N, C-alpha and C. Protein backbone atom coordinates (compact mmCIF):
# COMPACT_ATOMS: atom_id res chain seq x y z
N UNK A 1 39.05 17.85 56.34
CA UNK A 1 39.30 17.79 54.80
C UNK A 1 40.81 18.10 54.60
N UNK A 2 41.86 17.60 53.92
CA UNK A 2 43.09 18.08 53.76
C UNK A 2 43.33 19.42 53.17
N UNK A 3 44.31 19.92 53.83
CA UNK A 3 44.94 21.36 53.56
C UNK A 3 45.40 21.38 51.94
N UNK A 4 45.03 22.23 51.51
CA UNK A 4 45.39 22.94 49.94
C UNK A 4 46.79 22.61 49.76
N UNK A 5 47.37 21.58 48.89
CA UNK A 5 48.85 21.62 48.47
C UNK A 5 49.44 23.11 48.34
N UNK A 6 50.43 23.36 49.04
CA UNK A 6 51.33 24.33 48.99
C UNK A 6 51.86 24.86 47.34
N UNK A 7 52.09 26.08 47.39
CA UNK A 7 52.49 26.30 45.91
C UNK A 7 54.10 26.96 46.18
N UNK A 8 54.79 26.32 45.50
CA UNK A 8 56.48 26.79 46.00
C UNK A 8 56.53 28.44 45.36
N UNK A 9 57.17 28.87 46.12
CA UNK A 9 57.72 30.19 46.05
C UNK A 9 58.82 30.52 45.44
N UNK A 10 59.12 31.63 44.66
CA UNK A 10 60.33 31.57 44.16
C UNK A 10 61.63 32.11 44.87
N UNK A 11 62.54 31.68 44.59
CA UNK A 11 63.86 32.20 45.76
C UNK A 11 63.69 33.83 45.73
N UNK A 12 63.86 33.94 46.97
CA UNK A 12 63.99 35.59 47.56
C UNK A 12 64.99 36.35 46.65
N UNK A 13 65.12 37.49 46.22
CA UNK A 13 66.05 38.17 45.74
C UNK A 13 65.91 39.28 46.61
N UNK A 14 66.96 40.45 45.96
CA UNK A 14 66.94 41.50 46.63
C UNK A 14 65.51 42.52 46.85
N UNK A 15 65.40 43.23 47.77
CA UNK A 15 63.56 43.83 47.97
C UNK A 15 63.45 44.50 47.09
N UNK A 16 64.17 45.36 46.36
CA UNK A 16 63.77 46.03 44.89
C UNK A 16 63.42 45.01 43.77
N UNK A 17 64.05 43.98 43.59
CA UNK A 17 63.73 42.96 42.35
C UNK A 17 62.91 42.32 42.68
N UNK A 18 62.37 42.17 44.02
CA UNK A 18 61.04 41.31 44.43
C UNK A 18 59.62 42.19 44.06
N UNK A 19 60.15 43.51 44.55
CA UNK A 19 59.18 44.40 44.21
C UNK A 19 58.35 44.73 43.10
N UNK A 20 59.62 44.64 41.83
CA UNK A 20 59.66 44.77 40.71
C UNK A 20 58.78 43.66 40.01
N UNK A 21 59.05 42.72 40.32
CA UNK A 21 58.72 41.23 40.12
C UNK A 21 57.15 41.36 40.30
N UNK A 22 56.78 41.73 41.50
CA UNK A 22 55.39 41.47 42.13
C UNK A 22 54.78 42.61 41.44
N UNK A 23 55.28 43.84 41.07
CA UNK A 23 54.69 44.67 40.13
C UNK A 23 54.30 44.28 38.77
N UNK A 24 55.27 43.62 38.06
CA UNK A 24 54.79 43.38 36.97
C UNK A 24 53.94 42.03 37.00
N UNK A 25 53.91 40.93 37.94
CA UNK A 25 52.88 40.03 38.05
C UNK A 25 51.66 40.90 38.26
N UNK A 26 51.10 41.97 38.94
CA UNK A 26 50.02 42.31 38.97
C UNK A 26 49.67 43.01 37.72
N UNK A 27 50.65 43.72 36.85
CA UNK A 27 50.26 44.15 35.68
C UNK A 27 49.64 43.04 34.74
N UNK A 28 50.38 41.91 34.60
CA UNK A 28 49.87 40.96 33.83
C UNK A 28 48.69 40.58 34.38
N UNK A 29 48.17 40.39 35.47
CA UNK A 29 46.92 40.13 35.90
C UNK A 29 45.91 41.20 35.41
N UNK A 30 46.11 42.41 35.46
CA UNK A 30 45.29 43.41 34.87
C UNK A 30 45.23 43.48 33.26
N UNK A 31 46.32 42.90 32.62
CA UNK A 31 45.92 43.08 31.23
C UNK A 31 45.45 41.51 31.03
N UNK A 32 45.47 40.38 31.43
CA UNK A 32 44.75 39.31 31.22
C UNK A 32 43.36 39.65 31.77
N UNK A 33 43.02 40.35 32.65
CA UNK A 33 41.60 40.42 33.14
C UNK A 33 41.02 41.60 32.06
N UNK A 34 41.61 42.67 31.57
CA UNK A 34 41.25 43.32 30.50
C UNK A 34 40.96 42.71 28.72
N UNK A 35 41.85 42.01 28.92
CA UNK A 35 42.42 41.71 27.37
C UNK A 35 42.33 40.09 27.20
N UNK A 36 42.15 39.55 28.24
CA UNK A 36 42.42 37.74 28.13
C UNK A 36 43.67 37.27 28.04
N UNK A 37 44.01 36.32 28.19
CA UNK A 37 45.14 35.62 28.35
C UNK A 37 46.17 35.89 27.03
N UNK A 38 45.45 35.75 26.04
CA UNK A 38 46.15 36.20 24.80
C UNK A 38 46.57 37.38 24.50
N UNK A 39 46.08 38.59 25.18
CA UNK A 39 46.51 40.14 25.39
C UNK A 39 47.79 39.96 26.05
N UNK A 40 48.06 39.20 26.97
CA UNK A 40 49.27 39.56 27.84
C UNK A 40 50.86 38.92 27.42
N UNK A 41 51.06 40.09 26.39
CA UNK A 41 52.52 39.72 25.59
C UNK A 41 53.13 40.63 26.71
N UNK A 42 54.57 40.57 26.47
CA UNK A 42 55.46 41.33 27.07
C UNK A 42 55.37 42.85 27.03
N UNK A 43 55.06 43.02 26.26
CA UNK A 43 54.92 44.77 25.49
C UNK A 43 53.68 45.16 26.33
N UNK A 44 52.77 44.29 26.29
CA UNK A 44 51.32 44.73 26.74
C UNK A 44 51.62 44.97 28.55
N UNK A 45 52.34 43.80 29.17
CA UNK A 45 52.58 43.97 30.50
C UNK A 45 53.62 45.13 30.76
N UNK A 46 54.64 45.36 30.15
CA UNK A 46 55.62 46.49 30.25
C UNK A 46 54.67 47.96 30.14
N UNK A 47 53.93 47.96 29.18
CA UNK A 47 53.33 49.32 29.35
C UNK A 47 52.17 49.58 30.26
N UNK A 48 51.49 48.34 30.56
CA UNK A 48 50.63 48.44 31.81
C UNK A 48 51.39 48.99 33.13
N UNK A 49 52.75 48.15 33.43
CA UNK A 49 53.54 48.52 34.15
C UNK A 49 54.25 49.83 34.29
N UNK A 50 54.38 50.49 33.35
CA UNK A 50 54.93 51.64 33.20
C UNK A 50 56.70 51.34 33.02
N UNK A 51 57.11 50.28 32.68
CA UNK A 51 58.42 50.18 32.91
C UNK A 51 58.91 50.01 31.31
N UNK A 52 60.20 49.57 31.03
CA UNK A 52 60.73 49.35 29.72
C UNK A 52 60.89 47.69 29.37
N UNK A 53 60.30 47.61 28.20
CA UNK A 53 60.11 46.17 27.76
C UNK A 53 61.06 45.39 28.63
N UNK A 54 62.37 45.60 28.41
CA UNK A 54 63.33 44.73 29.05
C UNK A 54 63.15 44.41 30.40
N UNK A 55 62.26 45.20 31.07
CA UNK A 55 62.04 44.79 32.39
C UNK A 55 61.51 43.15 32.68
N UNK A 56 60.43 43.14 31.53
CA UNK A 56 59.59 41.95 31.55
C UNK A 56 60.37 40.78 31.05
N UNK A 57 61.24 41.05 29.99
CA UNK A 57 62.04 40.05 29.67
C UNK A 57 63.22 39.52 30.64
N UNK A 58 63.65 40.38 31.22
CA UNK A 58 64.35 39.99 32.25
C UNK A 58 64.04 39.06 33.72
N UNK A 59 63.00 39.26 33.86
CA UNK A 59 62.21 38.52 34.77
C UNK A 59 61.53 37.39 34.25
N UNK A 60 60.96 37.53 32.96
CA UNK A 60 60.20 36.16 32.51
C UNK A 60 60.77 35.91 31.42
N UNK A 61 61.26 34.72 31.01
CA UNK A 61 61.97 34.22 29.75
C UNK A 61 60.75 34.39 28.60
N UNK A 62 59.59 33.95 28.93
CA UNK A 62 58.75 33.52 27.78
C UNK A 62 57.43 34.24 28.02
N UNK A 63 56.57 34.44 27.45
CA UNK A 63 55.22 34.91 27.78
C UNK A 63 54.54 33.54 28.46
N UNK A 64 54.57 32.49 28.24
CA UNK A 64 54.30 31.36 29.01
C UNK A 64 54.33 31.47 30.36
N UNK A 65 55.50 31.64 30.77
CA UNK A 65 56.28 31.71 32.01
C UNK A 65 55.61 32.57 32.66
N UNK A 66 55.32 33.97 32.03
CA UNK A 66 54.67 35.11 32.74
C UNK A 66 53.35 34.58 33.22
N UNK A 67 52.89 33.94 32.44
CA UNK A 67 51.14 33.56 32.89
C UNK A 67 51.24 32.62 33.80
N UNK A 68 52.04 31.77 33.94
CA UNK A 68 52.05 30.86 35.03
C UNK A 68 52.39 31.39 36.04
N UNK A 69 53.33 32.34 36.00
CA UNK A 69 53.85 33.06 37.33
C UNK A 69 52.54 34.17 37.87
N UNK A 70 51.96 34.67 36.95
CA UNK A 70 50.81 35.62 37.17
C UNK A 70 49.91 34.47 38.12
N UNK A 71 49.53 33.76 37.63
CA UNK A 71 48.25 32.70 38.49
C UNK A 71 49.16 32.46 39.51
N UNK A 72 50.32 31.78 39.66
CA UNK A 72 50.83 31.28 40.98
C UNK A 72 50.91 32.51 41.83
N UNK A 73 51.16 33.55 41.72
CA UNK A 73 50.99 35.21 42.36
C UNK A 73 49.84 35.16 42.88
N UNK A 74 48.45 35.04 42.06
CA UNK A 74 47.22 35.29 42.44
C UNK A 74 46.87 34.47 43.32
N UNK A 75 47.25 32.98 42.92
CA UNK A 75 46.61 31.82 43.54
C UNK A 75 47.27 32.06 45.12
N UNK A 76 48.53 32.03 45.47
CA UNK A 76 49.31 32.39 46.56
C UNK A 76 48.62 33.35 47.46
N UNK A 77 48.35 34.45 46.91
CA UNK A 77 47.71 35.72 47.70
C UNK A 77 45.88 35.32 47.88
N UNK A 78 45.59 34.85 46.95
CA UNK A 78 44.15 34.49 47.42
C UNK A 78 44.32 33.49 48.43
N UNK A 79 44.95 32.43 48.33
CA UNK A 79 45.04 31.21 49.33
C UNK A 79 45.47 31.67 50.79
N UNK A 80 46.23 32.80 50.75
CA UNK A 80 46.49 33.36 51.95
C UNK A 80 45.53 34.20 52.69
N UNK A 81 44.75 34.53 51.79
CA UNK A 81 43.59 35.48 52.25
C UNK A 81 42.51 34.34 52.43
N UNK A 82 42.34 33.48 52.12
CA UNK A 82 41.19 32.54 52.47
C UNK A 82 41.78 31.76 54.01
N UNK A 83 43.02 31.56 54.06
CA UNK A 83 43.78 30.93 55.40
C UNK A 83 43.32 32.03 56.59
N UNK A 84 43.78 33.42 56.15
CA UNK A 84 43.35 34.44 57.36
C UNK A 84 41.98 34.29 57.62
N UNK A 85 40.80 34.32 56.59
CA UNK A 85 39.53 34.28 57.09
C UNK A 85 39.18 33.05 57.76
N UNK A 86 39.56 32.07 57.28
CA UNK A 86 39.17 30.85 58.06
C UNK A 86 39.67 31.08 59.40
N UNK A 87 41.04 31.69 59.69
CA UNK A 87 41.49 31.64 61.08
C UNK A 87 40.49 32.69 61.90
N UNK A 88 40.09 33.82 61.22
CA UNK A 88 39.66 34.62 61.88
C UNK A 88 38.20 34.12 62.09
N UNK A 89 37.20 33.17 61.42
CA UNK A 89 35.86 32.56 61.78
C UNK A 89 36.08 31.36 62.57
N UNK A 90 37.29 30.59 62.73
CA UNK A 90 37.04 29.69 63.49
C UNK A 90 37.49 29.83 65.02
N UNK A 91 37.98 31.08 64.77
CA UNK A 91 38.45 31.48 66.34
C UNK A 91 37.49 31.84 67.00
N UNK A 92 36.42 32.42 66.49
CA UNK A 92 35.10 32.99 67.38
C UNK A 92 34.47 31.92 67.92
N UNK A 93 33.67 32.27 69.14
CA UNK A 93 32.71 31.29 69.91
C UNK A 93 31.86 30.67 68.72
N UNK A 94 31.43 29.27 69.29
CA UNK A 94 30.64 29.04 68.40
C UNK A 94 29.21 29.28 68.44
N UNK A 95 28.38 29.49 67.65
CA UNK A 95 27.02 30.23 67.85
C UNK A 95 27.05 31.82 67.59
N UNK A 96 28.12 32.29 67.30
CA UNK A 96 28.60 33.75 67.16
C UNK A 96 28.50 34.40 65.90
N UNK A 97 28.75 33.52 64.74
CA UNK A 97 29.03 33.75 63.56
C UNK A 97 27.63 33.55 62.61
N UNK A 98 27.36 34.80 62.02
CA UNK A 98 26.05 34.58 60.84
C UNK A 98 26.97 33.93 59.50
N UNK A 99 26.71 32.62 59.29
CA UNK A 99 27.46 32.09 58.42
C UNK A 99 26.93 32.56 56.84
N UNK A 100 25.73 32.62 56.98
CA UNK A 100 25.11 33.21 55.54
C UNK A 100 25.73 34.77 55.29
N UNK A 101 25.70 35.20 56.33
CA UNK A 101 26.34 36.66 55.89
C UNK A 101 27.72 36.76 55.74
N UNK A 102 28.79 35.56 56.16
CA UNK A 102 29.83 35.59 55.95
C UNK A 102 30.21 35.19 54.64
N UNK A 103 29.15 34.42 53.84
CA UNK A 103 29.32 33.78 52.70
C UNK A 103 28.92 34.84 51.79
N UNK A 104 27.98 35.76 51.76
CA UNK A 104 27.37 36.89 51.31
C UNK A 104 28.80 38.14 51.29
N UNK A 105 29.68 38.22 52.54
CA UNK A 105 30.53 38.91 52.67
C UNK A 105 31.69 38.57 51.40
N UNK A 106 32.05 37.10 51.68
CA UNK A 106 33.03 36.50 50.93
C UNK A 106 32.85 36.91 49.16
N UNK A 107 31.71 36.87 48.94
CA UNK A 107 31.18 36.86 47.26
C UNK A 107 31.58 38.45 47.19
N UNK A 108 30.93 39.25 48.27
CA UNK A 108 31.16 40.76 48.03
C UNK A 108 32.55 41.17 47.97
N UNK A 109 33.38 40.67 48.93
CA UNK A 109 34.84 41.11 48.49
C UNK A 109 35.52 40.90 47.23
N UNK A 110 35.05 39.59 46.60
CA UNK A 110 35.46 39.39 45.40
C UNK A 110 35.04 40.26 44.31
N UNK A 111 34.06 41.13 44.51
CA UNK A 111 33.20 42.04 43.49
C UNK A 111 33.64 43.49 43.96
N UNK A 112 34.50 43.54 44.95
CA UNK A 112 35.03 44.95 45.02
C UNK A 112 35.76 45.70 43.79
N UNK A 113 36.19 46.85 43.60
CA UNK A 113 36.43 47.08 42.22
C UNK A 113 38.16 47.04 42.51
N UNK A 114 38.78 46.80 43.48
CA UNK A 114 40.04 46.50 43.42
C UNK A 114 40.22 45.23 43.64
N UNK A 115 39.23 44.15 43.58
CA UNK A 115 39.59 42.94 43.88
C UNK A 115 39.10 42.29 42.33
N UNK A 116 38.31 42.92 41.38
CA UNK A 116 37.78 42.37 40.19
C UNK A 116 38.59 42.04 38.93
N UNK A 117 39.91 42.75 38.92
CA UNK A 117 41.07 42.21 38.18
C UNK A 117 41.53 41.03 38.71
N UNK A 118 41.67 40.66 39.75
CA UNK A 118 41.88 39.15 40.19
C UNK A 118 41.15 38.49 39.59
N UNK A 119 39.78 38.52 39.88
CA UNK A 119 38.57 37.45 39.82
C UNK A 119 38.43 37.17 38.15
N UNK A 120 38.53 38.33 37.65
CA UNK A 120 38.53 38.19 35.89
C UNK A 120 39.74 37.62 35.47
N UNK A 121 40.82 37.77 36.10
CA UNK A 121 42.30 37.28 35.41
C UNK A 121 41.89 35.89 35.93
N UNK A 122 41.47 35.21 37.02
CA UNK A 122 41.11 33.80 36.96
C UNK A 122 40.19 33.14 36.37
N UNK A 123 39.40 33.84 35.72
CA UNK A 123 38.37 33.17 34.83
C UNK A 123 38.93 32.98 33.43
N UNK A 124 39.62 34.42 33.09
CA UNK A 124 40.45 33.40 31.71
C UNK A 124 41.67 32.55 31.94
N UNK A 125 42.33 32.54 32.99
CA UNK A 125 43.15 31.47 33.26
C UNK A 125 42.73 30.04 33.42
N UNK A 126 41.45 30.00 34.21
CA UNK A 126 40.69 28.87 33.97
C UNK A 126 40.75 28.40 32.55
N UNK A 127 40.64 29.06 31.96
CA UNK A 127 40.41 28.67 30.42
C UNK A 127 41.70 28.12 29.78
N UNK A 128 42.69 28.94 30.24
CA UNK A 128 44.10 28.39 29.84
C UNK A 128 44.57 27.26 30.46
N UNK A 129 43.85 26.93 31.55
CA UNK A 129 44.08 25.51 32.60
C UNK A 129 43.77 24.32 32.05
N UNK A 130 42.96 24.62 30.76
CA UNK A 130 42.10 23.43 30.44
C UNK A 130 43.08 22.82 29.25
N UNK A 131 44.15 23.67 28.60
CA UNK A 131 45.23 23.32 27.80
C UNK A 131 46.76 23.04 28.47
N UNK A 132 46.87 23.76 29.61
CA UNK A 132 48.32 23.59 30.10
C UNK A 132 48.37 23.00 31.63
N UNK A 133 48.77 21.90 31.67
CA UNK A 133 48.88 21.16 33.02
C UNK A 133 49.69 22.02 33.86
N UNK A 134 50.45 22.82 33.48
CA UNK A 134 51.24 23.63 34.82
C UNK A 134 50.45 24.42 35.57
N UNK A 135 49.39 25.15 34.88
CA UNK A 135 48.25 25.57 35.22
C UNK A 135 47.17 25.17 36.26
N UNK A 136 46.85 23.79 35.66
CA UNK A 136 46.22 23.42 36.43
C UNK A 136 46.59 22.92 37.93
N UNK A 137 47.61 22.63 37.93
CA UNK A 137 48.29 22.24 39.26
C UNK A 137 47.86 23.50 40.28
N UNK A 138 48.50 24.84 39.72
CA UNK A 138 48.26 25.90 40.57
C UNK A 138 46.51 26.27 40.83
N UNK A 139 45.98 25.93 39.86
CA UNK A 139 44.57 26.30 39.79
C UNK A 139 43.95 25.37 41.09
N UNK A 140 44.63 24.00 41.04
CA UNK A 140 43.83 23.04 41.64
C UNK A 140 44.10 23.42 43.38
N UNK A 141 45.25 23.93 43.67
CA UNK A 141 45.51 24.54 44.87
C UNK A 141 44.59 25.54 45.43
N UNK A 142 44.65 26.48 44.40
CA UNK A 142 43.66 27.49 44.73
C UNK A 142 42.24 27.04 44.93
N UNK A 143 41.61 26.06 44.46
CA UNK A 143 40.26 25.43 44.31
C UNK A 143 40.20 24.43 45.52
N UNK A 144 41.19 24.04 46.18
CA UNK A 144 41.26 23.26 47.37
C UNK A 144 41.03 24.10 48.53
N UNK A 145 41.75 25.40 48.50
CA UNK A 145 41.47 26.33 49.29
C UNK A 145 40.07 26.70 49.39
N UNK A 146 39.68 26.91 48.50
CA UNK A 146 38.47 27.33 48.62
C UNK A 146 37.35 26.29 49.17
N UNK A 147 37.42 25.10 48.88
CA UNK A 147 36.53 24.01 49.20
C UNK A 147 37.06 23.89 50.58
N UNK A 148 37.94 24.15 51.27
CA UNK A 148 38.19 23.82 52.67
C UNK A 148 37.40 25.20 53.53
N UNK A 149 37.39 26.31 52.66
CA UNK A 149 36.76 27.39 53.56
C UNK A 149 35.23 27.19 53.23
N UNK A 150 34.70 26.52 52.32
CA UNK A 150 33.31 26.45 51.92
C UNK A 150 32.71 25.56 52.92
N UNK A 151 33.55 24.05 52.97
CA UNK A 151 33.29 23.14 53.77
C UNK A 151 33.38 23.45 55.43
N UNK A 152 34.46 24.51 55.88
CA UNK A 152 34.30 24.56 57.00
C UNK A 152 33.02 25.67 57.61
N UNK A 153 32.82 26.53 56.66
CA UNK A 153 31.55 27.25 56.70
C UNK A 153 30.35 26.46 56.86
N UNK A 154 30.00 25.47 56.01
CA UNK A 154 28.70 24.87 55.76
C UNK A 154 28.78 23.62 57.31
N UNK A 155 29.94 23.33 57.56
CA UNK A 155 29.52 22.47 58.73
C UNK A 155 29.23 23.17 59.80
N UNK A 156 29.74 24.67 59.94
CA UNK A 156 29.32 25.31 61.22
C UNK A 156 28.29 25.95 60.99
N UNK A 157 27.67 26.28 59.77
CA UNK A 157 26.25 26.42 59.63
C UNK A 157 25.29 25.52 59.47
N UNK A 158 25.29 24.34 59.75
CA UNK A 158 24.81 23.07 60.03
C UNK A 158 24.25 22.45 58.87
N UNK A 159 24.97 22.40 57.86
CA UNK A 159 24.92 21.57 56.51
C UNK A 159 24.88 20.00 57.03
N UNK A 160 23.88 19.05 56.34
CA UNK A 160 23.85 17.76 56.77
C UNK A 160 25.18 17.01 55.94
N UNK A 161 25.65 17.69 55.11
CA UNK A 161 26.69 17.08 54.34
C UNK A 161 27.74 18.04 53.72
N UNK A 162 28.58 18.60 55.04
CA UNK A 162 29.20 19.53 54.51
C UNK A 162 30.40 19.17 53.49
N UNK A 163 30.99 17.97 53.27
CA UNK A 163 31.67 17.57 52.45
C UNK A 163 31.16 17.59 50.94
N UNK A 164 29.98 17.03 50.85
CA UNK A 164 29.46 16.72 49.54
C UNK A 164 28.95 18.09 49.25
N UNK A 165 28.31 19.22 50.14
CA UNK A 165 28.04 20.30 49.74
C UNK A 165 29.03 21.54 49.20
N UNK A 166 30.00 21.08 49.78
CA UNK A 166 31.22 22.23 49.70
C UNK A 166 31.68 22.67 47.98
N UNK A 167 31.65 21.51 47.28
CA UNK A 167 31.91 21.42 45.90
C UNK A 167 30.67 22.58 45.24
N UNK A 168 29.25 22.12 45.69
CA UNK A 168 28.31 22.89 45.08
C UNK A 168 28.26 24.25 45.69
N UNK A 169 28.42 24.45 46.73
CA UNK A 169 28.70 25.84 47.20
C UNK A 169 29.81 26.65 46.27
N UNK A 170 31.15 26.12 46.11
CA UNK A 170 32.02 26.90 45.53
C UNK A 170 31.65 27.23 43.81
N UNK A 171 31.08 25.94 43.10
CA UNK A 171 30.62 26.21 42.12
C UNK A 171 29.32 27.19 41.83
N UNK A 172 28.88 27.11 42.60
CA UNK A 172 27.53 28.15 42.61
C UNK A 172 28.08 29.69 42.87
N UNK A 173 29.00 29.77 43.83
CA UNK A 173 29.46 31.00 43.93
C UNK A 173 30.37 31.77 42.97
N UNK A 174 31.03 30.54 42.13
CA UNK A 174 31.52 31.28 40.97
C UNK A 174 30.71 31.66 39.99
N UNK A 175 29.51 30.95 39.79
CA UNK A 175 28.47 31.39 38.85
C UNK A 175 27.82 32.60 39.29
N UNK A 176 27.68 32.75 40.58
CA UNK A 176 27.13 34.25 41.24
C UNK A 176 28.21 35.45 41.02
N UNK A 177 29.14 34.88 41.09
CA UNK A 177 30.02 36.35 41.06
C UNK A 177 30.23 36.66 39.47
N UNK A 178 30.53 35.54 38.92
CA UNK A 178 30.74 36.01 37.37
C UNK A 178 29.19 36.73 36.72
N UNK A 179 27.95 36.30 37.09
CA UNK A 179 26.91 36.58 36.46
C UNK A 179 26.89 37.98 36.94
N UNK A 180 26.97 38.54 38.20
CA UNK A 180 26.67 39.69 38.76
C UNK A 180 27.72 40.66 38.24
N UNK A 181 29.13 40.12 37.97
CA UNK A 181 29.99 41.20 37.60
C UNK A 181 29.48 41.66 36.21
N UNK A 182 28.85 40.70 35.31
CA UNK A 182 28.70 41.34 34.00
C UNK A 182 27.33 41.66 33.99
N UNK A 183 26.54 41.48 34.98
CA UNK A 183 24.76 42.10 34.58
C UNK A 183 24.58 43.33 35.61
N UNK A 184 25.45 43.39 36.71
CA UNK A 184 24.87 44.31 37.59
C UNK A 184 25.75 45.09 38.26
N UNK A 185 25.42 46.32 38.74
CA UNK A 185 26.71 46.74 39.64
C UNK A 185 25.73 47.55 40.90
N UNK A 186 26.68 48.36 41.80
CA UNK A 186 26.49 48.88 42.72
C UNK A 186 25.45 48.17 43.62
N UNK A 187 24.38 49.22 44.31
CA UNK A 187 23.46 48.55 45.26
C UNK A 187 22.61 47.15 44.61
N UNK A 188 22.43 47.08 43.17
CA UNK A 188 21.43 46.21 42.60
C UNK A 188 22.29 44.76 42.35
N UNK A 189 23.78 44.97 42.53
CA UNK A 189 24.40 43.71 42.54
C UNK A 189 24.53 43.36 44.25
N UNK A 190 24.89 44.18 45.12
CA UNK A 190 24.71 43.79 46.25
C UNK A 190 23.73 42.99 46.84
N UNK A 191 22.39 43.44 46.29
CA UNK A 191 21.10 42.90 46.47
C UNK A 191 20.96 41.59 45.96
N UNK A 192 21.26 41.50 44.63
CA UNK A 192 21.14 40.07 43.87
C UNK A 192 22.31 39.40 44.73
N UNK A 193 23.33 39.65 44.98
CA UNK A 193 24.27 38.40 45.64
C UNK A 193 23.83 38.11 46.75
N UNK A 194 23.26 39.12 47.86
CA UNK A 194 22.69 38.48 48.94
C UNK A 194 21.55 37.63 49.12
N UNK A 195 20.34 38.01 48.06
CA UNK A 195 19.47 37.31 48.00
C UNK A 195 19.80 35.62 47.23
N UNK A 196 20.66 35.69 46.47
CA UNK A 196 21.26 34.45 45.78
C UNK A 196 21.95 33.50 46.93
N UNK A 197 22.77 34.02 47.61
CA UNK A 197 23.69 33.53 48.60
C UNK A 197 22.66 32.86 49.58
N UNK A 198 21.88 33.71 50.16
CA UNK A 198 20.63 33.55 51.26
C UNK A 198 20.03 32.26 50.99
N UNK A 199 19.59 32.11 49.83
CA UNK A 199 18.29 31.02 49.26
C UNK A 199 19.61 29.76 49.08
N UNK A 200 20.59 29.86 48.55
CA UNK A 200 21.63 28.87 48.29
C UNK A 200 21.89 28.00 49.89
N UNK A 201 22.42 29.11 50.76
CA UNK A 201 22.95 28.71 52.07
C UNK A 201 21.32 28.04 52.83
N UNK A 202 20.36 28.63 52.59
CA UNK A 202 18.99 27.81 53.10
C UNK A 202 19.06 26.48 52.56
N UNK A 203 19.06 26.14 51.41
CA UNK A 203 18.79 25.09 50.94
C UNK A 203 20.08 24.19 51.38
N UNK A 204 21.25 24.43 51.56
CA UNK A 204 22.41 23.60 51.81
C UNK A 204 22.36 23.36 53.42
N UNK A 205 21.79 24.05 53.80
CA UNK A 205 21.85 23.93 55.48
C UNK A 205 20.13 23.56 56.13
N UNK A 206 19.71 23.08 55.05
CA UNK A 206 18.44 22.23 55.35
C UNK A 206 18.38 21.03 55.62
N UNK A 207 17.69 20.41 56.52
CA UNK A 207 17.72 18.77 56.80
C UNK A 207 16.45 18.38 56.02
N UNK A 208 15.48 19.31 55.46
CA UNK A 208 14.53 18.91 54.55
C UNK A 208 15.10 18.16 53.36
């Protein structure tokens, strides 16, 4: 499967400026997760980051630019995490990986308290991407990386059609993550994720 298209990075500035910019992008994602894309104003993001309003307008000329950059920031970070996971899993000897357990772990990682702002922001920005072509390209790269991970896992787990099953797995896991984030928490959420993912993987890796 072709690798996900790369996302261009902004030109590097001084270290302090890059750290400030990253902090503002993280704050934007937290605001989007809590209030939706419509709530991510310069003022709201500055307040979330604990900086003067002028900081956001210095780094981002408009609210639209800030949203695009926030999605790019989240996508780049998640694609790098997916790449690291792929490298780790594919470096292990064949037959030594419990692939169902790895998929359960992948969903669980997205539902950790420190990760849910990115997950929620992703869902909000998905809706924005239906209206904004510049967001679609970034979201497309993010999705392509997820599909590559899913296909790799399914092929190793014995799926008879890993290329065809990968979009099914990605779409299903998106639904599982969102539903469990809304409906359950704690041990009940973990049990539900494990049961749903196990059933799904059993179906996708069965020759019957």
